[in-house]
Amino acid sequence: MNKPLFKSSTSTLTLENIMCCIFNIKPLDVAVYFILLKNGPSKVSRVAELLNRDRSTIQRSVQNLINVGLVRRKQVNLRKGGYFYRYEAIPFNEVRCKLLRTMEEWCDQVRRWIDDIDNKDLEEYIEEYIKNKR
C-alpha cells in the first residue's frame, strides 16, 4: 500500500515506509507481510511465486518478519512422515497497536531526552558536532 497517508513538501508517508521505519524492515518484507495477510497462511514457495522472487529471498524476509513479531510459523506434519512450515501474518489490528505503541514509546524517550538537555550539555554537543563536521 503506497497510497500517501501524509504529504508535505519534504516527505510522503505511506504505510509501507512507516512499517519499514518502525520495525526496521525492508520494503520487500512489508510486501511479504501484505501477501500473507491477503492470502492467509502460506508456504514460502507460494509467496515467492506470487511476488516473482527467489525462494531464498522470501525466506529471509519471512525470518525478518518473524523476528519483529509480524509473522508466525507453524509446522505442518505430513501423514507419511516429514513436515513443512506454513507462515501466517498477524492480524493488522495487532500491527496497528504495535505501530502506535512503538511510536508513543519513541516520542516519550525523545521528550525525556530533550527535557534533560541543559546548557552545559548543549554546549558540549555543539562543540562535538562542529568538531566532527570539519
N, C-alpha and C. Protein backbone atom coordinates (compact mmCIF):
# COMPACT_ATOMS: atom_id res chain seq x y z
N MET A 1 0.85 -1.17 0.00
CA MET A 1 0.00 0.00 0.00
C MET A 1 0.89 1.23 0.00
N ASN A 2 1.04 1.85 -1.14
CA ASN A 2 1.88 3.04 -1.24
C ASN A 2 1.07 4.30 -1.39
N LYS A 3 -0.23 4.21 -1.17
CA LYS A 3 -1.07 5.40 -1.20
C LYS A 3 -0.60 6.35 -0.10
N PRO A 4 -0.28 7.60 -0.45
CA PRO A 4 0.21 8.53 0.57
C PRO A 4 -0.80 8.71 1.69
N LEU A 5 -0.31 8.63 2.92
CA LEU A 5 -1.14 8.90 4.08
C LEU A 5 -0.98 10.35 4.52
N PHE A 6 0.19 10.90 4.22
CA PHE A 6 0.51 12.26 4.58
C PHE A 6 1.53 12.77 3.58
N LYS A 7 1.33 13.97 3.09
CA LYS A 7 2.26 14.50 2.12
C LYS A 7 2.63 15.92 2.53
N SER A 8 3.92 16.20 2.54
CA SER A 8 4.41 17.55 2.80
C SER A 8 5.43 17.89 1.73
N SER A 9 5.99 19.07 1.82
CA SER A 9 6.98 19.46 0.81
C SER A 9 8.28 18.66 0.94
N THR A 10 8.49 18.01 2.10
CA THR A 10 9.74 17.28 2.30
C THR A 10 9.60 15.77 2.32
N SER A 11 8.39 15.25 2.58
CA SER A 11 8.27 13.80 2.66
C SER A 11 6.84 13.35 2.39
N THR A 12 6.73 12.10 2.03
CA THR A 12 5.44 11.46 1.85
C THR A 12 5.44 10.21 2.72
N LEU A 13 4.48 10.12 3.61
CA LEU A 13 4.37 8.95 4.46
C LEU A 13 3.40 7.95 3.86
N THR A 14 3.84 6.72 3.77
CA THR A 14 2.96 5.63 3.34
C THR A 14 3.00 4.58 4.44
N LEU A 15 2.04 3.69 4.42
CA LEU A 15 2.04 2.61 5.39
C LEU A 15 3.32 1.79 5.24
N GLU A 16 3.75 1.57 4.01
CA GLU A 16 4.97 0.81 3.78
C GLU A 16 6.18 1.47 4.45
N ASN A 17 6.39 2.77 4.22
CA ASN A 17 7.60 3.36 4.80
C ASN A 17 7.48 3.58 6.30
N ILE A 18 6.28 3.69 6.83
CA ILE A 18 6.11 3.75 8.28
C ILE A 18 6.48 2.40 8.89
N MET A 19 6.00 1.31 8.29
CA MET A 19 6.33 -0.03 8.80
C MET A 19 7.83 -0.30 8.69
N CYS A 20 8.44 0.12 7.59
CA CYS A 20 9.89 -0.06 7.43
C CYS A 20 10.64 0.67 8.53
N CYS A 21 10.24 1.89 8.83
CA CYS A 21 10.91 2.70 9.83
C CYS A 21 10.69 2.14 11.24
N ILE A 22 9.46 1.89 11.61
CA ILE A 22 9.14 1.46 12.97
C ILE A 22 9.70 0.07 13.28
N PHE A 23 9.58 -0.85 12.33
CA PHE A 23 10.01 -2.23 12.58
C PHE A 23 11.41 -2.53 12.07
N ASN A 24 12.03 -1.54 11.41
CA ASN A 24 13.38 -1.71 10.84
C ASN A 24 13.41 -2.90 9.87
N ILE A 25 12.47 -2.89 8.96
CA ILE A 25 12.39 -3.94 7.93
C ILE A 25 12.47 -3.29 6.56
N LYS A 26 12.56 -4.11 5.53
CA LYS A 26 12.70 -3.64 4.15
C LYS A 26 11.34 -3.62 3.44
N PRO A 27 11.25 -2.84 2.36
CA PRO A 27 10.00 -2.83 1.58
C PRO A 27 9.55 -4.23 1.14
N LEU A 28 10.49 -5.10 0.79
CA LEU A 28 10.10 -6.45 0.41
C LEU A 28 9.47 -7.19 1.59
N ASP A 29 9.98 -6.96 2.78
CA ASP A 29 9.39 -7.59 3.97
C ASP A 29 7.94 -7.15 4.14
N VAL A 30 7.68 -5.88 3.91
CA VAL A 30 6.31 -5.36 4.00
C VAL A 30 5.44 -6.03 2.94
N ALA A 31 5.97 -6.17 1.73
CA ALA A 31 5.22 -6.84 0.65
C ALA A 31 4.89 -8.28 1.03
N VAL A 32 5.84 -8.98 1.62
CA VAL A 32 5.61 -10.36 2.06
C VAL A 32 4.52 -10.39 3.13
N TYR A 33 4.60 -9.46 4.09
CA TYR A 33 3.57 -9.38 5.13
C TYR A 33 2.19 -9.20 4.49
N PHE A 34 2.07 -8.26 3.55
CA PHE A 34 0.78 -8.00 2.92
C PHE A 34 0.27 -9.21 2.12
N ILE A 35 1.18 -9.91 1.44
CA ILE A 35 0.78 -11.12 0.71
C ILE A 35 0.23 -12.17 1.67
N LEU A 36 0.92 -12.36 2.79
CA LEU A 36 0.45 -13.32 3.79
C LEU A 36 -0.87 -12.87 4.42
N LEU A 37 -1.01 -11.59 4.64
CA LEU A 37 -2.24 -11.05 5.21
C LEU A 37 -3.41 -11.27 4.26
N LYS A 38 -3.18 -11.02 2.97
CA LYS A 38 -4.24 -11.15 1.97
C LYS A 38 -4.57 -12.61 1.67
N ASN A 39 -3.56 -13.46 1.56
CA ASN A 39 -3.77 -14.83 1.09
C ASN A 39 -3.90 -15.86 2.22
N GLY A 40 -3.66 -15.45 3.44
CA GLY A 40 -3.74 -16.38 4.55
C GLY A 40 -2.46 -17.20 4.66
N PRO A 41 -2.44 -18.15 5.59
CA PRO A 41 -1.24 -18.95 5.82
C PRO A 41 -0.73 -19.58 4.52
N SER A 42 0.58 -19.46 4.30
CA SER A 42 1.17 -19.92 3.04
C SER A 42 2.57 -20.46 3.26
N LYS A 43 2.99 -21.28 2.32
CA LYS A 43 4.37 -21.74 2.28
C LYS A 43 5.23 -20.67 1.61
N VAL A 44 6.51 -20.69 1.91
CA VAL A 44 7.44 -19.71 1.32
C VAL A 44 7.41 -19.80 -0.20
N SER A 45 7.33 -21.01 -0.72
CA SER A 45 7.34 -21.19 -2.18
C SER A 45 6.15 -20.48 -2.84
N ARG A 46 4.99 -20.48 -2.17
CA ARG A 46 3.81 -19.80 -2.72
C ARG A 46 4.00 -18.28 -2.72
N VAL A 47 4.54 -17.76 -1.63
CA VAL A 47 4.79 -16.31 -1.54
C VAL A 47 5.81 -15.90 -2.60
N ALA A 48 6.86 -16.72 -2.77
CA ALA A 48 7.89 -16.43 -3.78
C ALA A 48 7.27 -16.39 -5.18
N GLU A 49 6.36 -17.31 -5.42
CA GLU A 49 5.67 -17.35 -6.72
C GLU A 49 4.83 -16.10 -6.92
N LEU A 50 4.09 -15.70 -5.90
CA LEU A 50 3.21 -14.52 -6.01
C LEU A 50 4.00 -13.22 -6.19
N LEU A 51 5.18 -13.15 -5.59
CA LEU A 51 5.99 -11.94 -5.69
C LEU A 51 7.07 -12.03 -6.78
N ASN A 52 7.10 -13.17 -7.46
CA ASN A 52 8.08 -13.39 -8.52
C ASN A 52 9.51 -13.16 -8.01
N ARG A 53 9.81 -13.78 -6.87
CA ARG A 53 11.12 -13.67 -6.25
C ARG A 53 11.66 -15.06 -5.95
N ASP A 54 12.96 -15.12 -5.74
CA ASP A 54 13.60 -16.38 -5.39
C ASP A 54 13.14 -16.83 -3.99
N ARG A 55 12.99 -18.13 -3.82
CA ARG A 55 12.52 -18.68 -2.55
C ARG A 55 13.42 -18.28 -1.38
N SER A 56 14.73 -18.28 -1.59
CA SER A 56 15.65 -17.93 -0.50
C SER A 56 15.51 -16.46 -0.09
N THR A 57 15.19 -15.61 -1.04
CA THR A 57 14.96 -14.19 -0.74
C THR A 57 13.72 -14.03 0.14
N ILE A 58 12.67 -14.75 -0.21
CA ILE A 58 11.43 -14.69 0.56
C ILE A 58 11.65 -15.30 1.94
N GLN A 59 12.44 -16.37 2.00
CA GLN A 59 12.73 -16.99 3.31
C GLN A 59 13.39 -15.99 4.25
N ARG A 60 14.32 -15.19 3.74
CA ARG A 60 14.98 -14.17 4.56
C ARG A 60 13.96 -13.12 5.03
N SER A 61 13.08 -12.71 4.12
CA SER A 61 12.06 -11.73 4.50
C SER A 61 11.12 -12.28 5.57
N VAL A 62 10.72 -13.53 5.40
CA VAL A 62 9.84 -14.17 6.39
C VAL A 62 10.54 -14.22 7.74
N GLN A 63 11.83 -14.55 7.75
CA GLN A 63 12.57 -14.60 9.01
C GLN A 63 12.64 -13.22 9.66
N ASN A 64 12.84 -12.18 8.85
CA ASN A 64 12.82 -10.81 9.38
C ASN A 64 11.48 -10.50 10.04
N LEU A 65 10.40 -10.92 9.38
CA LEU A 65 9.05 -10.66 9.89
C LEU A 65 8.78 -11.44 11.17
N ILE A 66 9.28 -12.65 11.25
CA ILE A 66 9.15 -13.44 12.48
C ILE A 66 9.91 -12.75 13.61
N ASN A 67 11.10 -12.27 13.31
CA ASN A 67 11.95 -11.62 14.32
C ASN A 67 11.30 -10.38 14.93
N VAL A 68 10.51 -9.64 14.14
CA VAL A 68 9.85 -8.43 14.65
C VAL A 68 8.42 -8.71 15.09
N GLY A 69 8.00 -9.96 15.02
CA GLY A 69 6.68 -10.34 15.54
C GLY A 69 5.51 -10.08 14.62
N LEU A 70 5.76 -9.97 13.31
CA LEU A 70 4.66 -9.72 12.37
C LEU A 70 4.15 -10.99 11.70
N VAL A 71 4.90 -12.08 11.82
CA VAL A 71 4.54 -13.35 11.18
C VAL A 71 4.79 -14.48 12.17
N ARG A 72 3.93 -15.48 12.11
CA ARG A 72 4.09 -16.69 12.93
C ARG A 72 4.36 -17.87 12.01
N ARG A 73 5.15 -18.82 12.50
CA ARG A 73 5.47 -20.03 11.74
C ARG A 73 4.79 -21.21 12.41
N LYS A 74 4.16 -22.05 11.58
CA LYS A 74 3.50 -23.25 12.10
C LYS A 74 4.02 -24.46 11.33
N GLN A 75 4.42 -25.49 12.07
CA GLN A 75 4.87 -26.73 11.44
C GLN A 75 3.66 -27.58 11.11
N VAL A 76 3.61 -28.08 9.88
CA VAL A 76 2.53 -28.97 9.45
C VAL A 76 3.16 -30.34 9.19
N ASN A 77 2.73 -31.33 9.97
CA ASN A 77 3.26 -32.68 9.83
C ASN A 77 2.49 -33.44 8.76
N LEU A 78 3.24 -34.18 7.93
CA LEU A 78 2.63 -34.97 6.87
C LEU A 78 2.35 -36.39 7.39
N ARG A 79 1.28 -36.98 6.93
CA ARG A 79 0.88 -38.33 7.39
C ARG A 79 1.95 -39.38 7.14
N LYS A 80 2.59 -39.30 6.01
CA LYS A 80 3.59 -40.31 5.64
C LYS A 80 4.99 -39.95 6.13
N GLY A 81 5.06 -38.99 7.02
CA GLY A 81 6.35 -38.55 7.54
C GLY A 81 6.79 -37.25 6.91
N GLY A 82 7.61 -36.56 7.62
CA GLY A 82 8.09 -35.27 7.14
C GLY A 82 7.17 -34.13 7.59
N TYR A 83 7.54 -32.95 7.22
CA TYR A 83 6.76 -31.77 7.60
C TYR A 83 7.14 -30.61 6.69
N PHE A 84 6.35 -29.55 6.76
CA PHE A 84 6.69 -28.30 6.11
C PHE A 84 6.20 -27.17 7.01
N TYR A 85 6.66 -25.96 6.72
CA TYR A 85 6.24 -24.81 7.51
C TYR A 85 5.24 -23.97 6.72
N ARG A 86 4.27 -23.47 7.43
CA ARG A 86 3.30 -22.54 6.88
C ARG A 86 3.43 -21.25 7.70
N TYR A 87 3.40 -20.12 7.01
CA TYR A 87 3.60 -18.83 7.66
C TYR A 87 2.32 -18.02 7.60
N GLU A 88 2.05 -17.33 8.72
CA GLU A 88 0.81 -16.57 8.82
C GLU A 88 1.10 -15.17 9.36
N ALA A 89 0.53 -14.16 8.70
CA ALA A 89 0.68 -12.78 9.17
C ALA A 89 -0.20 -12.58 10.39
N ILE A 90 0.31 -11.82 11.36
CA ILE A 90 -0.56 -11.48 12.49
C ILE A 90 -1.59 -10.48 11.97
N PRO A 91 -2.77 -10.44 12.56
CA PRO A 91 -3.81 -9.52 12.09
C PRO A 91 -3.34 -8.06 12.11
N PHE A 92 -3.82 -7.29 11.16
CA PHE A 92 -3.36 -5.91 11.06
C PHE A 92 -3.72 -5.09 12.30
N ASN A 93 -4.81 -5.41 12.97
CA ASN A 93 -5.15 -4.68 14.19
C ASN A 93 -4.03 -4.79 15.22
N GLU A 94 -3.38 -5.96 15.30
CA GLU A 94 -2.24 -6.13 16.20
C GLU A 94 -1.05 -5.31 15.72
N VAL A 95 -0.84 -5.26 14.42
CA VAL A 95 0.25 -4.45 13.85
C VAL A 95 0.00 -2.98 14.15
N ARG A 96 -1.23 -2.54 13.97
CA ARG A 96 -1.58 -1.15 14.26
C ARG A 96 -1.22 -0.82 15.71
N CYS A 97 -1.59 -1.69 16.64
CA CYS A 97 -1.27 -1.47 18.06
C CYS A 97 0.23 -1.41 18.28
N LYS A 98 0.99 -2.31 17.63
CA LYS A 98 2.45 -2.31 17.76
C LYS A 98 3.03 -1.00 17.22
N LEU A 99 2.52 -0.56 16.07
CA LEU A 99 3.00 0.70 15.48
C LEU A 99 2.76 1.86 16.44
N LEU A 100 1.54 1.97 16.93
CA LEU A 100 1.19 3.09 17.81
C LEU A 100 1.98 3.04 19.11
N ARG A 101 2.10 1.85 19.70
CA ARG A 101 2.83 1.71 20.96
C ARG A 101 4.30 2.08 20.77
N THR A 102 4.90 1.61 19.68
CA THR A 102 6.31 1.91 19.42
C THR A 102 6.53 3.40 19.19
N MET A 103 5.63 4.03 18.43
CA MET A 103 5.75 5.47 18.19
C MET A 103 5.61 6.25 19.49
N GLU A 104 4.65 5.86 20.33
CA GLU A 104 4.46 6.55 21.61
C GLU A 104 5.68 6.39 22.51
N GLU A 105 6.25 5.19 22.57
CA GLU A 105 7.45 4.97 23.38
C GLU A 105 8.61 5.81 22.87
N TRP A 106 8.77 5.86 21.53
CA TRP A 106 9.84 6.64 20.95
C TRP A 106 9.64 8.13 21.25
N CYS A 107 8.43 8.62 21.09
CA CYS A 107 8.14 10.04 21.39
C CYS A 107 8.42 10.36 22.85
N ASP A 108 8.03 9.46 23.75
CA ASP A 108 8.30 9.67 25.17
C ASP A 108 9.80 9.73 25.45
N GLN A 109 10.57 8.84 24.82
CA GLN A 109 12.02 8.84 25.01
C GLN A 109 12.64 10.13 24.49
N VAL A 110 12.18 10.59 23.33
CA VAL A 110 12.71 11.83 22.75
C VAL A 110 12.35 13.01 23.64
N ARG A 111 11.12 13.06 24.15
CA ARG A 111 10.71 14.14 25.05
C ARG A 111 11.60 14.18 26.30
N ARG A 112 11.82 13.01 26.91
CA ARG A 112 12.67 12.95 28.11
C ARG A 112 14.09 13.41 27.79
N TRP A 113 14.60 12.96 26.65
CA TRP A 113 15.96 13.32 26.26
C TRP A 113 16.07 14.84 26.08
N ILE A 114 15.10 15.43 25.39
CA ILE A 114 15.11 16.88 25.16
C ILE A 114 14.94 17.63 26.47
N ASP A 115 14.03 17.15 27.33
CA ASP A 115 13.83 17.80 28.63
C ASP A 115 15.10 17.78 29.48
N ASP A 116 15.92 16.74 29.33
CA ASP A 116 17.13 16.59 30.14
C ASP A 116 18.31 17.42 29.63
N ILE A 117 18.19 18.03 28.48
CA ILE A 117 19.30 18.83 27.95
C ILE A 117 19.40 20.12 28.75
N ASP A 118 20.56 20.34 29.30
CA ASP A 118 20.78 21.63 29.96
C ASP A 118 21.81 22.41 29.12
N ASN A 119 22.10 23.62 29.52
CA ASN A 119 23.00 24.47 28.72
C ASN A 119 24.39 23.87 28.57
N LYS A 120 24.90 23.23 29.64
CA LYS A 120 26.22 22.62 29.56
C LYS A 120 26.21 21.49 28.53
N ASP A 121 25.19 20.62 28.59
CA ASP A 121 25.09 19.53 27.62
C ASP A 121 24.98 20.06 26.20
N LEU A 122 24.22 21.12 26.03
CA LEU A 122 24.04 21.70 24.71
C LEU A 122 25.36 22.26 24.18
N GLU A 123 26.10 22.96 25.02
CA GLU A 123 27.39 23.50 24.59
C GLU A 123 28.35 22.38 24.19
N GLU A 124 28.39 21.31 24.99
CA GLU A 124 29.24 20.17 24.66
C GLU A 124 28.80 19.52 23.34
N TYR A 125 27.53 19.40 23.17
CA TYR A 125 27.00 18.80 21.94
C TYR A 125 27.38 19.64 20.72
N ILE A 126 27.22 20.94 20.84
CA ILE A 126 27.54 21.84 19.72
C ILE A 126 29.02 21.76 19.39
N GLU A 127 29.87 21.79 20.42
CA GLU A 127 31.32 21.70 20.19
C GLU A 127 31.67 20.40 19.48
N GLU A 128 31.14 19.29 19.96
CA GLU A 128 31.40 17.98 19.36
C GLU A 128 30.88 17.93 17.91
N TYR A 129 29.71 18.48 17.70
CA TYR A 129 29.10 18.50 16.36
C TYR A 129 29.97 19.28 15.38
N ILE A 130 30.38 20.47 15.78
CA ILE A 130 31.21 21.30 14.91
C ILE A 130 32.56 20.63 14.64
N LYS A 131 33.14 20.04 15.67
CA LYS A 131 34.43 19.35 15.53
C LYS A 131 34.33 18.21 14.51
N ASN A 132 33.24 17.45 14.55
CA ASN A 132 33.07 16.32 13.63
C ASN A 132 32.68 16.72 12.21
N LYS A 133 32.18 17.94 12.05
CA LYS A 133 31.78 18.40 10.72
C LYS A 133 32.93 19.02 9.93
N ARG A 134 34.04 19.25 10.59
CA ARG A 134 35.19 19.86 9.90
C ARG A 134 35.92 18.88 9.06
